[in-house]
Amino acid sequence: MPLMVVALASESNLISVVSGASLLFLAFLGGLAAYIGSVNVATGIMRITFWSALAMGVTAGIGALIGTAA
């Protein structure tokens, strides 16, 4: 799904739109997994969204420190 967003988003705000869409899709999948597993859906959504956002932030931070490969 985030790949479809890449095709529709403008280049100027591509990173923020794709990051947001990815988090939304991951939150949906976290809720779906919690529902199927018969556990609290809100907890599943929050858990997946938090850890996904943290992973994205750490990855972006490492990328900013190291820079791009030339």
C-alpha atoms as a PDB file:
ATOM      1  CA  MET A   1       0.000   0.000   0.000  1.00  0.00           C
ATOM      2  CA  PRO A   2       2.726   2.562   0.706  1.00  0.00           C
ATOM      3  CA  LEU A   3       3.977   1.983  -2.838  1.00  0.00           C
ATOM      4  CA  MET A   4       0.635   3.194  -4.179  1.00  0.00           C
ATOM      5  CA  VAL A   5       1.055   6.321  -2.056  1.00  0.00           C
ATOM      6  CA  VAL A   6       4.471   6.919  -3.664  1.00  0.00           C
ATOM      7  CA  ALA A   7       2.812   7.003  -7.065  1.00  0.00           C
ATOM      8  CA  LEU A   8       0.248   9.565  -5.892  1.00  0.00           C
ATOM      9  CA  ALA A   9       2.305  11.854  -3.624  1.00  0.00           C
ATOM     10  CA  SER A  10       4.175  14.882  -4.872  1.00  0.00           C
ATOM     11  CA  GLU A  11       7.958  14.829  -4.701  1.00  0.00           C
ATOM     12  CA  SER A  12       8.142  17.799  -2.333  1.00  0.00           C
ATOM     13  CA  ASN A  13       6.422  15.998   0.544  1.00  0.00           C
ATOM     14  CA  LEU A  14       7.074  12.378  -0.404  1.00  0.00           C
ATOM     15  CA  ILE A  15       8.904  11.314   2.761  1.00  0.00           C
ATOM     16  CA  SER A  16       6.304  12.637   5.189  1.00  0.00           C
ATOM     17  CA  VAL A  17       3.347  11.287   3.184  1.00  0.00           C
ATOM     18  CA  VAL A  18       4.873   7.822   2.791  1.00  0.00           C
ATOM     19  CA  SER A  19       5.883   7.701   6.473  1.00  0.00           C
ATOM     20  CA  GLY A  20       2.402   8.702   7.589  1.00  0.00           C
ATOM     21  CA  ALA A  21       0.700   6.271   5.227  1.00  0.00           C
ATOM     22  CA  SER A  22       3.000   3.466   6.354  1.00  0.00           C
ATOM     23  CA  LEU A  23       2.145   4.143   9.995  1.00  0.00           C
ATOM     24  CA  LEU A  24      -1.571   4.163   9.187  1.00  0.00           C
ATOM     25  CA  PHE A  25      -1.352   0.858   7.338  1.00  0.00           C
ATOM     26  CA  LEU A  26       0.735  -0.672  10.122  1.00  0.00           C
ATOM     27  CA  ALA A  27      -1.780   0.540  12.724  1.00  0.00           C
ATOM     28  CA  PHE A  28      -4.558  -1.099  10.727  1.00  0.00           C
ATOM     29  CA  LEU A  29      -2.637  -4.361  10.516  1.00  0.00           C
ATOM     30  CA  GLY A  30      -1.844  -4.201  14.246  1.00  0.00           C
ATOM     31  CA  GLY A  31      -5.526  -3.770  15.020  1.00  0.00           C
ATOM     32  CA  LEU A  32      -6.468  -6.582  12.678  1.00  0.00           C
ATOM     33  CA  ALA A  33      -3.925  -8.930  14.256  1.00  0.00           C
ATOM     34  CA  ALA A  34      -5.181  -8.041  17.737  1.00  0.00           C
ATOM     35  CA  TYR A  35      -8.777  -8.620  16.675  1.00  0.00           C
ATOM     36  CA  ILE A  36      -7.940 -11.999  15.169  1.00  0.00           C
ATOM     37  CA  GLY A  37      -5.973 -12.891  18.290  1.00  0.00           C
ATOM     38  CA  SER A  38      -8.918 -11.873  20.511  1.00  0.00           C
ATOM     39  CA  VAL A  39      -6.938  -9.286  22.483  1.00  0.00           C
ATOM     40  CA  ASN A  40      -7.435  -5.556  23.060  1.00  0.00           C
ATOM     41  CA  VAL A  41      -7.452  -3.895  19.622  1.00  0.00           C
ATOM     42  CA  ALA A  42      -6.452  -0.449  20.922  1.00  0.00           C
ATOM     43  CA  THR A  43      -3.406  -1.935  22.646  1.00  0.00           C
ATOM     44  CA  GLY A  44      -2.410  -3.736  19.459  1.00  0.00           C
ATOM     45  CA  ILE A  45      -2.724  -0.554  17.420  1.00  0.00           C
ATOM     46  CA  MET A  46      -0.717   1.512  19.910  1.00  0.00           C
ATOM     47  CA  ARG A  47       1.995  -1.142  20.257  1.00  0.00           C
ATOM     48  CA  ILE A  48       2.550  -1.555  16.519  1.00  0.00           C
ATOM     49  CA  THR A  49       2.387   2.183  15.838  1.00  0.00           C
ATOM     50  CA  PHE A  50       4.807   3.084  18.638  1.00  0.00           C
ATOM     51  CA  TRP A  51       7.459   0.522  17.746  1.00  0.00           C
ATOM     52  CA  SER A  52       7.116   1.224  14.024  1.00  0.00           C
ATOM     53  CA  ALA A  53       7.517   4.969  14.532  1.00  0.00           C
ATOM     54  CA  LEU A  54      10.508   4.349  16.789  1.00  0.00           C
ATOM     55  CA  ALA A  55      12.109   2.088  14.167  1.00  0.00           C
ATOM     56  CA  MET A  56      11.511   4.702  11.457  1.00  0.00           C
ATOM     57  CA  GLY A  57      13.020   7.419  13.638  1.00  0.00           C
ATOM     58  CA  VAL A  58      16.107   5.364  14.518  1.00  0.00           C
ATOM     59  CA  THR A  59      16.601   4.445  10.870  1.00  0.00           C
ATOM     60  CA  ALA A  60      16.282   8.084   9.784  1.00  0.00           C
ATOM     61  CA  GLY A  61      18.663   9.154  12.539  1.00  0.00           C
ATOM     62  CA  ILE A  62      21.300   6.631  11.520  1.00  0.00           C
ATOM     63  CA  GLY A  63      20.863   7.659   7.904  1.00  0.00           C
ATOM     64  CA  ALA A  64      21.333  11.312   8.828  1.00  0.00           C
ATOM     65  CA  LEU A  65      24.502  10.493  10.815  1.00  0.00           C
ATOM     66  CA  ILE A  66      26.071   8.308   8.160  1.00  0.00           C
ATOM     67  CA  GLY A  67      24.804  10.130   5.118  1.00  0.00           C
ATOM     68  CA  THR A  68      24.060   8.690   1.724  1.00  0.00           C
ATOM     69  CA  ALA A  69      26.208   6.183  -0.109  1.00  0.00           C
ATOM     70  CA  ALA A  70      27.928   7.689  -3.116  1.00  0.00           C
END
